[in-house]
Amino acid sequence: MNEWAADAVVVGGGAAGMMAALTAAERGRRVLLLDHQEQLGRKLRITGKGRCNVCNNTSSASVMKAVISNPKFLYSALDAFPPSAVINFFENSGVPLKTERGNRVFPLSDNAHDVADTLLQRMKRAGVRVVTDEARRVLTEDGAVSGVKTRSGFFPCSHVLLATGGLSYSRTGSNGLGHKMAEELGHRLVPPRPSLVPLACADADCREMQGFSLKNVVLTAFDGENRMIYSELGEMLFTHFGVSGPLVLSASAHMRDFEHQHYRLEIDLKPGLDMEKLDMRILRDFEEFKNRDFRNALDRLAGRSMIPVLLRRSGIREDTKVHSVTREQRRRLVELFKHFQISVTGPRPIEEAIITAGGVDVREVDPRTMQSKLVPGLFFAGELLDLDAYTGGFNLQIAWSTGYVAGMNL
């Protein structure tokens, strides 16, 4: 038996777990952090394409607007540890930061390892004991936490924080054990599902255009009742399976019921022009190219990879002379540019998702402390909770804030 007297055991060495562990230890608590991976913060080290979008340099109110699931639950946590506190924490710890487009905050070095290693250094200075072992069960006595059973031993304690993450990026160590342990202790799970994930499409047109990216387009998503559920200007990408890119990832967060809903996407390829102005623009090109075949008249309006698809969808024969294109055909072309349709068949696997939506039902967790309402001494933080947000540093903000509050109350 491996017995070490700890006040608190933190299960999970990701962003939320490390923040909680060092916060508790800096308050004088004896903290043990358990993780089955030797390298802590593995997902943190690859986030933001290895640059680590630490947070978003905005107000707590704006963060809540970017949270999709249960934003009100975060009111107390964001009040205790808002984006400004996150920025101060890292800069005071020796990680200079910079703010980029969309208020996204990155380390000045553009190196995510600087963020993860700084957390490790602060944990070490605060006296956190790190053990490489796999937690199997949280044990209770008289209904309250009494310790953690691991693959190789037992660690007695009065407080346990589960911060094991979701199911996305499984290669970084997220294996679903936290969900299992929470359920064993009586907590309800909102079924985990992928969020911020690429989307699969049945349309062969996407595959034909794979590798082709669109910039400054408006992507709008609709549900099965033709209700608009998302619309934003930005960038996206066609792939061999469907679509990806920032706009698609954000849209996917609103597609929560593929079992009962059929979703579709609509791309406005020319958002800066209304129907009338786009028609005039096309007329100008057509006047210049009036003696060309139609297939050679769209070079100024669309990327080369997309032109064959636009030609087919327009219903206009490729060898039609431009001066022969009718007003009705031109109207259909304008409609196509403003409402390019894509049918979505489903999300890509959860392993490809940036984050996991769903998780421990927040109604069973005290938002002021992150402690379970069912089991005294049991705490939750980070992606394990049913909380998710858009891209832009908001999901890491959830991890920092919930981890900090849990650490203050362990």
Protein backbone atom coordinates (compact mmCIF):
# COMPACT_ATOMS: atom_id res chain seq x y z
CA MET A 1 0.00 0.00 0.00
CA ASN A 2 1.22 3.44 -0.91
CA GLU A 3 0.07 5.75 1.84
CA TRP A 4 0.97 9.43 1.95
CA ALA A 5 -0.94 11.88 4.10
CA ALA A 6 -2.49 14.41 1.74
CA ASP A 7 -5.19 16.94 2.48
CA ALA A 8 -6.33 16.76 -1.14
CA VAL A 9 -5.77 14.56 -4.16
CA VAL A 10 -6.15 16.08 -7.61
CA VAL A 11 -6.88 13.50 -10.32
CA GLY A 12 -5.78 14.83 -13.71
CA GLY A 13 -2.73 16.87 -14.72
CA GLY A 14 -4.29 19.11 -17.35
CA ALA A 15 -4.94 22.85 -17.22
CA ALA A 16 -7.71 22.70 -14.60
CA GLY A 17 -5.98 20.08 -12.45
CA MET A 18 -2.63 21.87 -12.33
CA MET A 19 -4.26 25.24 -11.62
CA ALA A 20 -6.26 23.70 -8.77
CA ALA A 21 -3.29 21.83 -7.32
CA LEU A 22 -0.94 24.81 -7.18
CA THR A 23 -3.71 27.11 -5.89
CA ALA A 24 -4.49 24.72 -3.04
CA ALA A 25 -0.81 24.12 -2.27
CA GLU A 26 -0.03 27.84 -2.22
CA ARG A 27 -2.74 28.09 0.47
CA GLY A 28 -0.78 25.64 2.58
CA ARG A 29 -2.66 22.46 1.71
CA ARG A 30 -0.79 19.19 1.25
CA VAL A 31 -1.66 18.29 -2.32
CA LEU A 32 -0.99 15.17 -4.34
CA LEU A 33 -1.60 15.22 -8.08
CA LEU A 34 -2.28 11.90 -9.83
CA ASP A 35 -1.98 11.40 -13.57
CA HIS A 36 -1.43 8.23 -15.56
CA GLN A 37 0.77 10.12 -18.06
CA GLU A 38 4.36 10.96 -17.18
CA GLN A 39 4.22 14.30 -18.99
CA LEU A 40 1.61 16.63 -17.49
CA GLY A 41 -0.40 19.08 -19.56
CA ARG A 42 -0.14 17.10 -22.80
CA LYS A 43 -3.30 18.56 -24.32
CA LEU A 44 -2.30 22.02 -23.14
CA ARG A 45 1.01 21.63 -24.97
CA ILE A 46 -0.67 21.09 -28.36
CA THR A 47 -3.58 23.51 -28.03
CA GLY A 48 -3.70 26.43 -30.44
CA LYS A 49 -1.50 24.46 -32.88
CA GLY A 50 1.23 24.42 -30.27
CA ARG A 51 0.95 28.13 -29.50
CA CYS A 52 -1.64 27.86 -26.67
CA ASN A 53 -4.49 30.36 -26.80
CA VAL A 54 -4.28 31.04 -23.05
CA CYS A 55 -7.52 33.02 -22.75
CA ASN A 56 -9.46 35.84 -24.35
CA ASN A 57 -8.61 39.40 -23.32
CA THR A 58 -12.18 40.43 -22.61
CA SER A 59 -14.65 40.87 -19.77
CA SER A 60 -16.22 38.06 -17.78
CA ALA A 61 -19.59 39.05 -19.26
CA SER A 62 -18.20 38.56 -22.76
CA VAL A 63 -16.77 35.18 -21.78
CA MET A 64 -20.20 34.08 -20.61
CA LYS A 65 -21.66 35.06 -23.99
CA ALA A 66 -19.12 32.74 -25.63
CA VAL A 67 -20.03 29.80 -23.37
CA ILE A 68 -22.60 27.54 -25.01
CA SER A 69 -23.52 25.09 -22.23
CA ASN A 70 -24.55 26.42 -18.81
CA PRO A 71 -22.89 29.87 -18.87
CA LYS A 72 -24.66 31.01 -15.68
CA PHE A 73 -22.91 28.25 -13.73
CA LEU A 74 -19.63 30.12 -14.33
CA TYR A 75 -20.74 33.43 -12.84
CA SER A 76 -18.95 32.92 -9.50
CA ALA A 77 -15.86 31.29 -11.02
CA LEU A 78 -15.36 34.09 -13.55
CA ASP A 79 -15.87 36.65 -10.82
CA ALA A 80 -13.15 34.95 -8.76
CA PHE A 81 -10.70 34.39 -11.63
CA PRO A 82 -11.57 36.47 -14.73
CA PRO A 83 -9.45 36.80 -17.89
CA SER A 84 -7.51 39.71 -16.36
CA ALA A 85 -6.49 37.44 -13.48
CA VAL A 86 -5.35 34.73 -15.90
CA ILE A 87 -3.21 37.26 -17.77
CA ASN A 88 -1.70 38.58 -14.52
CA PHE A 89 -1.08 35.04 -13.27
CA PHE A 90 1.04 34.04 -16.26
CA GLU A 91 2.83 37.35 -16.74
CA ASN A 92 3.72 37.47 -13.03
CA SER A 93 4.96 33.86 -13.40
CA GLY A 94 7.42 34.86 -16.12
CA VAL A 95 5.34 34.17 -19.26
CA PRO A 96 4.96 37.40 -21.29
CA LEU A 97 1.71 37.41 -23.27
CA LYS A 98 0.38 39.15 -26.37
CA THR A 99 -3.14 39.82 -27.62
CA GLU A 100 -3.95 39.04 -31.23
CA ARG A 101 -6.98 39.25 -33.54
CA GLY A 102 -10.25 38.47 -31.80
CA ASN A 103 -8.67 39.33 -28.41
CA ARG A 104 -6.95 35.93 -28.39
CA VAL A 105 -4.10 35.84 -25.87
CA PHE A 106 -0.93 33.83 -26.62
CA PRO A 107 2.50 33.56 -25.00
CA LEU A 108 4.91 36.02 -26.61
CA SER A 109 7.12 33.03 -27.44
CA ASP A 110 4.27 31.29 -29.37
CA ASN A 111 5.26 28.19 -27.42
CA ALA A 112 2.60 26.25 -25.48
CA HIS A 113 5.31 24.43 -23.50
CA ASP A 114 6.08 27.71 -21.72
CA VAL A 115 2.55 27.75 -20.31
CA ALA A 116 2.55 24.11 -19.19
CA ASP A 117 6.09 24.25 -17.77
CA THR A 118 5.28 27.39 -15.78
CA LEU A 119 2.37 25.59 -14.12
CA LEU A 120 4.70 22.69 -13.30
CA GLN A 121 7.30 25.02 -11.81
CA ARG A 122 4.73 26.77 -9.63
CA MET A 123 3.38 23.42 -8.44
CA LYS A 124 6.89 22.28 -7.57
CA ARG A 125 7.64 25.48 -5.63
CA ALA A 126 4.34 25.14 -3.77
CA GLY A 127 5.16 21.56 -2.76
CA VAL A 128 2.65 19.62 -4.86
CA ARG A 129 3.59 15.95 -4.97
CA VAL A 130 3.14 14.48 -8.46
CA VAL A 131 2.60 10.72 -8.79
CA THR A 132 2.35 8.84 -12.08
CA ASP A 133 -0.44 6.36 -11.45
CA GLU A 134 -3.96 5.72 -12.67
CA ALA A 135 -6.87 6.53 -10.35
CA ARG A 136 -9.50 3.81 -10.38
CA ARG A 137 -12.04 4.81 -7.72
CA VAL A 138 -12.82 7.58 -5.28
CA LEU A 139 -13.53 5.89 -1.95
CA THR A 140 -16.03 7.21 0.58
CA GLU A 141 -16.75 6.62 4.25
CA ASP A 142 -20.06 7.60 5.83
CA GLY A 143 -20.96 9.29 2.52
CA ALA A 144 -17.89 11.56 2.42
CA VAL A 145 -14.60 11.25 0.52
CA SER A 146 -11.97 9.11 2.25
CA GLY A 147 -9.35 8.55 -0.44
CA VAL A 148 -8.43 7.44 -3.93
CA LYS A 149 -7.76 3.86 -5.01
CA THR A 150 -5.23 3.67 -7.84
CA ARG A 151 -3.81 0.94 -10.03
CA SER A 152 -0.96 0.41 -7.57
CA GLY A 153 -2.05 1.75 -4.20
CA PHE A 154 -4.31 3.88 -2.02
CA PHE A 155 -4.06 7.55 -1.10
CA PRO A 156 -6.15 8.59 1.91
CA CYS A 157 -7.50 12.16 1.90
CA SER A 158 -10.58 14.17 2.78
CA HIS A 159 -10.83 16.06 -0.52
CA VAL A 160 -10.60 14.82 -4.11
CA LEU A 161 -10.79 16.89 -7.28
CA LEU A 162 -11.67 15.11 -10.51
CA ALA A 163 -10.18 17.09 -13.41
CA THR A 164 -9.68 14.30 -15.93
CA GLY A 165 -10.95 16.15 -19.01
CA GLY A 166 -13.31 14.90 -21.67
CA LEU A 167 -12.92 12.34 -24.45
CA SER A 168 -11.35 14.49 -27.18
CA TYR A 169 -7.67 14.11 -28.07
CA SER A 170 -7.55 10.70 -26.40
CA ARG A 171 -3.85 10.39 -27.29
CA THR A 172 -3.15 13.08 -24.68
CA GLY A 173 -4.58 10.90 -21.92
CA SER A 174 -8.32 11.63 -21.83
CA ASN A 175 -9.80 8.18 -21.37
CA GLY A 176 -13.23 8.67 -19.78
CA LEU A 177 -12.22 7.37 -16.33
CA GLY A 178 -13.39 10.59 -14.68
CA HIS A 179 -16.87 10.12 -16.12
CA LYS A 180 -16.95 6.57 -14.77
CA MET A 181 -15.80 7.60 -11.28
CA ALA A 182 -18.35 10.43 -11.14
CA GLU A 183 -21.16 8.05 -12.12
CA GLU A 184 -20.07 5.50 -9.51
CA LEU A 185 -20.48 8.22 -6.88
CA GLY A 186 -24.06 8.94 -7.98
CA HIS A 187 -23.51 11.87 -10.33
CA ARG A 188 -25.57 12.21 -13.49
CA LEU A 189 -23.72 12.52 -16.78
CA VAL A 190 -24.95 14.57 -19.70
CA PRO A 191 -23.95 12.24 -22.58
CA PRO A 192 -20.51 13.35 -23.84
CA ARG A 193 -20.39 14.44 -27.49
CA PRO A 194 -17.86 16.13 -29.75
CA SER A 195 -17.84 19.92 -29.94
CA LEU A 196 -15.66 22.26 -31.99
CA VAL A 197 -15.29 19.41 -34.44
CA PRO A 198 -15.05 19.13 -38.25
CA LEU A 199 -18.24 18.06 -40.02
CA ALA A 200 -18.80 15.19 -42.43
CA CYS A 201 -20.84 15.80 -45.58
CA ALA A 202 -22.30 13.37 -48.09
CA ASP A 203 -21.76 15.85 -50.90
CA ALA A 204 -19.05 14.75 -53.35
CA ASP A 205 -18.47 18.43 -54.13
CA CYS A 206 -16.64 18.88 -50.83
CA ARG A 207 -14.30 16.02 -51.62
CA GLU A 208 -13.67 17.50 -55.07
CA MET A 209 -12.67 20.80 -53.46
CA GLN A 210 -10.54 19.27 -50.65
CA GLY A 211 -7.74 21.56 -49.54
CA PHE A 212 -9.52 24.66 -50.83
CA SER A 213 -10.04 27.34 -48.19
CA LEU A 214 -12.51 30.21 -48.14
CA LYS A 215 -11.82 33.53 -46.41
CA ASN A 216 -14.20 36.35 -45.52
CA VAL A 217 -17.31 34.28 -46.15
CA VAL A 218 -20.40 34.01 -43.97
CA LEU A 219 -21.30 30.51 -42.84
CA THR A 220 -24.86 29.96 -41.60
CA ALA A 221 -26.12 26.73 -40.03
CA PHE A 222 -29.75 25.59 -40.00
CA ASP A 223 -31.47 22.78 -38.10
CA GLY A 224 -34.11 20.38 -39.39
CA GLU A 225 -36.87 22.95 -38.85
CA ASN A 226 -34.96 25.44 -41.00
CA ARG A 227 -34.15 27.58 -37.98
CA MET A 228 -30.88 29.48 -38.12
CA ILE A 229 -28.70 28.27 -35.23
CA TYR A 230 -25.40 29.96 -36.14
CA SER A 231 -24.08 32.60 -38.53
CA GLU A 232 -20.64 34.22 -38.63
CA LEU A 233 -18.04 35.78 -40.94
CA GLY A 234 -14.67 34.09 -41.18
CA GLU A 235 -12.70 31.23 -42.70
CA MET A 236 -13.40 27.58 -43.52
CA LEU A 237 -11.88 24.69 -45.44
CA PHE A 238 -13.12 21.86 -47.68
CA THR A 239 -11.72 18.41 -46.87
CA HIS A 240 -11.92 14.83 -48.15
CA PHE A 241 -14.70 14.12 -45.63
CA GLY A 242 -16.58 17.43 -45.64
CA VAL A 243 -15.69 20.78 -44.08
CA SER A 244 -13.46 22.15 -41.33
CA GLY A 245 -11.87 25.43 -40.24
CA PRO A 246 -12.77 28.04 -37.61
CA LEU A 247 -16.31 28.76 -38.84
CA VAL A 248 -17.19 25.09 -39.10
CA LEU A 249 -15.81 24.26 -35.65
CA SER A 250 -17.90 27.02 -34.07
CA ALA A 251 -21.00 25.99 -36.02
CA SER A 252 -20.59 22.39 -34.84
CA ALA A 253 -21.01 23.50 -31.23
CA HIS A 254 -24.66 24.26 -32.03
CA MET A 255 -25.35 20.92 -33.70
CA ARG A 256 -26.23 18.92 -30.63
CA ASP A 257 -28.75 16.36 -31.77
CA PHE A 258 -27.71 14.53 -34.94
CA GLU A 259 -29.84 11.59 -33.82
CA HIS A 260 -33.07 13.58 -34.31
CA GLN A 261 -32.03 16.56 -36.44
CA HIS A 262 -30.78 17.04 -39.97
CA TYR A 263 -28.45 20.02 -40.25
CA ARG A 264 -27.37 22.00 -43.28
CA LEU A 265 -24.86 24.74 -43.97
CA GLU A 266 -25.17 27.72 -46.25
CA ILE A 267 -22.19 29.78 -47.43
CA ASP A 268 -22.45 33.38 -48.56
CA LEU A 269 -19.41 33.57 -50.83
CA LYS A 270 -19.80 37.33 -51.38
CA PRO A 271 -21.06 38.79 -48.08
CA GLY A 272 -19.89 42.29 -49.01
CA LEU A 273 -22.39 42.45 -51.90
CA ASP A 274 -26.15 42.17 -51.76
CA MET A 275 -28.01 40.32 -54.54
CA GLU A 276 -28.40 43.42 -56.70
CA LYS A 277 -24.79 44.57 -56.41
CA LEU A 278 -23.48 41.06 -57.04
CA ASP A 279 -25.63 40.83 -60.17
CA MET A 280 -24.14 44.12 -61.39
CA ARG A 281 -20.64 42.82 -60.67
CA ILE A 282 -21.34 39.64 -62.67
CA LEU A 283 -22.81 41.72 -65.51
CA ARG A 284 -19.59 43.74 -65.71
CA ASP A 285 -17.50 40.57 -65.96
CA PHE A 286 -19.89 39.08 -68.48
CA GLU A 287 -19.70 42.21 -70.62
CA GLU A 288 -15.92 41.95 -70.66
CA PHE A 289 -15.95 38.22 -71.36
CA LYS A 290 -19.05 38.13 -73.57
CA ASN A 291 -17.43 36.03 -76.28
CA ARG A 292 -15.95 33.46 -73.91
CA ASP A 293 -17.44 30.13 -72.95
CA PHE A 294 -19.22 30.31 -69.58
CA ARG A 295 -16.64 27.98 -68.00
CA ASN A 296 -13.98 30.66 -68.55
CA ALA A 297 -15.95 33.61 -67.15
CA LEU A 298 -15.80 33.04 -63.37
CA ASP A 299 -12.07 33.43 -62.66
CA ARG A 300 -12.51 36.78 -60.93
CA LEU A 301 -15.45 35.59 -58.84
CA ALA A 302 -14.32 32.24 -57.46
CA GLY A 303 -11.26 30.15 -56.72
CA ARG A 304 -10.11 27.69 -59.35
CA SER A 305 -10.99 24.64 -57.23
CA MET A 306 -14.55 25.84 -56.80
CA ILE A 307 -15.35 26.84 -60.38
CA PRO A 308 -16.20 23.32 -61.66
CA VAL A 309 -18.65 22.89 -58.78
CA LEU A 310 -20.24 26.28 -59.39
CA LEU A 311 -20.57 25.47 -63.09
CA ARG A 312 -22.43 22.22 -62.34
CA ARG A 313 -24.67 23.72 -59.68
CA SER A 314 -25.60 26.70 -61.85
CA GLY A 315 -27.25 24.45 -64.41
CA ILE A 316 -25.64 26.49 -67.20
CA ARG A 317 -23.84 24.48 -69.89
CA GLU A 318 -20.09 25.03 -69.69
CA ASP A 319 -19.80 25.80 -73.40
CA THR A 320 -22.59 28.39 -73.34
CA LYS A 321 -21.31 31.69 -74.69
CA VAL A 322 -21.40 34.33 -71.97
CA HIS A 323 -23.46 36.69 -74.12
CA SER A 324 -26.10 33.95 -74.33
CA VAL A 325 -26.57 33.56 -70.55
CA THR A 326 -30.15 34.61 -69.78
CA ARG A 327 -31.29 36.88 -66.93
CA GLU A 328 -32.90 33.88 -65.23
CA GLN A 329 -29.68 31.87 -65.46
CA ARG A 330 -27.75 34.83 -64.08
CA ARG A 331 -30.23 35.11 -61.20
CA ARG A 332 -29.62 31.44 -60.33
CA LEU A 333 -25.88 32.10 -60.39
CA VAL A 334 -26.25 35.04 -58.00
CA GLU A 335 -28.39 32.84 -55.73
CA LEU A 336 -25.69 30.18 -55.80
CA PHE A 337 -22.98 32.63 -54.73
CA LYS A 338 -25.14 33.94 -51.88
CA HIS A 339 -26.56 30.60 -50.73
CA PHE A 340 -24.09 27.80 -51.43
CA GLN A 341 -25.68 24.76 -49.75
CA ILE A 342 -23.98 21.87 -47.95
CA SER A 343 -25.80 18.96 -46.28
CA VAL A 344 -24.18 17.72 -43.05
CA THR A 345 -24.30 14.02 -42.19
CA GLY A 346 -22.69 14.27 -38.76
CA PRO A 347 -19.65 15.29 -36.74
CA ARG A 348 -16.26 13.68 -37.13
CA PRO A 349 -15.27 11.27 -34.31
CA ILE A 350 -14.91 12.72 -30.82
CA GLU A 351 -11.15 11.99 -30.97
CA GLU A 352 -10.93 14.75 -33.60
CA ALA A 353 -12.90 17.28 -31.54
CA ILE A 354 -11.14 20.15 -29.82
CA ILE A 355 -13.33 19.71 -26.76
CA THR A 356 -15.99 17.43 -25.31
CA ALA A 357 -19.46 18.80 -24.66
CA GLY A 358 -21.53 17.08 -21.98
CA GLY A 359 -20.11 15.62 -18.80
CA VAL A 360 -20.96 15.94 -15.11
CA ASP A 361 -24.32 17.67 -14.68
CA VAL A 362 -23.55 21.10 -13.22
CA ARG A 363 -26.84 21.13 -11.32
CA GLU A 364 -25.20 18.67 -8.94
CA VAL A 365 -22.15 20.89 -8.34
CA ASP A 366 -21.90 24.05 -6.18
CA PRO A 367 -20.77 26.81 -8.59
CA ARG A 368 -19.21 28.83 -5.73
CA THR A 369 -16.81 26.04 -4.70
CA MET A 370 -16.94 23.33 -7.43
CA GLN A 371 -17.83 20.84 -4.68
CA SER A 372 -20.31 18.05 -5.30
CA LYS A 373 -23.75 18.56 -3.80
CA LEU A 374 -24.00 14.80 -3.38
CA VAL A 375 -20.63 13.76 -1.89
CA PRO A 376 -18.86 16.00 0.66
CA GLY A 377 -15.20 16.44 -0.22
CA LEU A 378 -15.64 15.65 -3.93
CA PHE A 379 -14.84 18.44 -6.41
CA PHE A 380 -14.92 18.84 -10.21
CA ALA A 381 -13.19 21.23 -12.62
CA GLY A 382 -12.56 21.75 -16.31
CA GLU A 383 -13.80 19.78 -19.28
CA LEU A 384 -15.21 16.99 -17.14
CA LEU A 385 -18.09 19.35 -16.32
CA ASP A 386 -20.94 19.99 -18.77
CA LEU A 387 -19.41 23.27 -19.92
CA ASP A 388 -18.17 24.21 -23.39
CA ALA A 389 -17.57 27.36 -25.37
CA TYR A 390 -16.46 28.72 -28.73
CA THR A 391 -12.85 28.80 -29.88
CA GLY A 392 -10.79 31.83 -28.88
CA GLY A 393 -9.39 30.87 -25.47
CA PHE A 394 -12.78 30.51 -23.81
CA ASN A 395 -12.51 26.80 -23.03
CA LEU A 396 -9.14 27.28 -21.34
CA GLN A 397 -10.69 30.16 -19.39
CA ILE A 398 -13.27 27.67 -18.09
CA ALA A 399 -10.42 25.38 -17.02
CA TRP A 400 -8.46 28.15 -15.27
CA SER A 401 -11.50 29.62 -13.47
CA THR A 402 -13.06 26.34 -12.30
CA GLY A 403 -9.63 24.99 -11.36
CA TYR A 404 -8.80 28.11 -9.36
CA VAL A 405 -12.11 28.04 -7.46
CA ALA A 406 -11.73 24.34 -6.71
CA GLY A 407 -8.17 24.96 -5.50
CA MET A 408 -9.36 27.72 -3.20
CA ASN A 409 -11.87 25.34 -1.61
CA LEU A 410 -10.03 22.03 -1.47
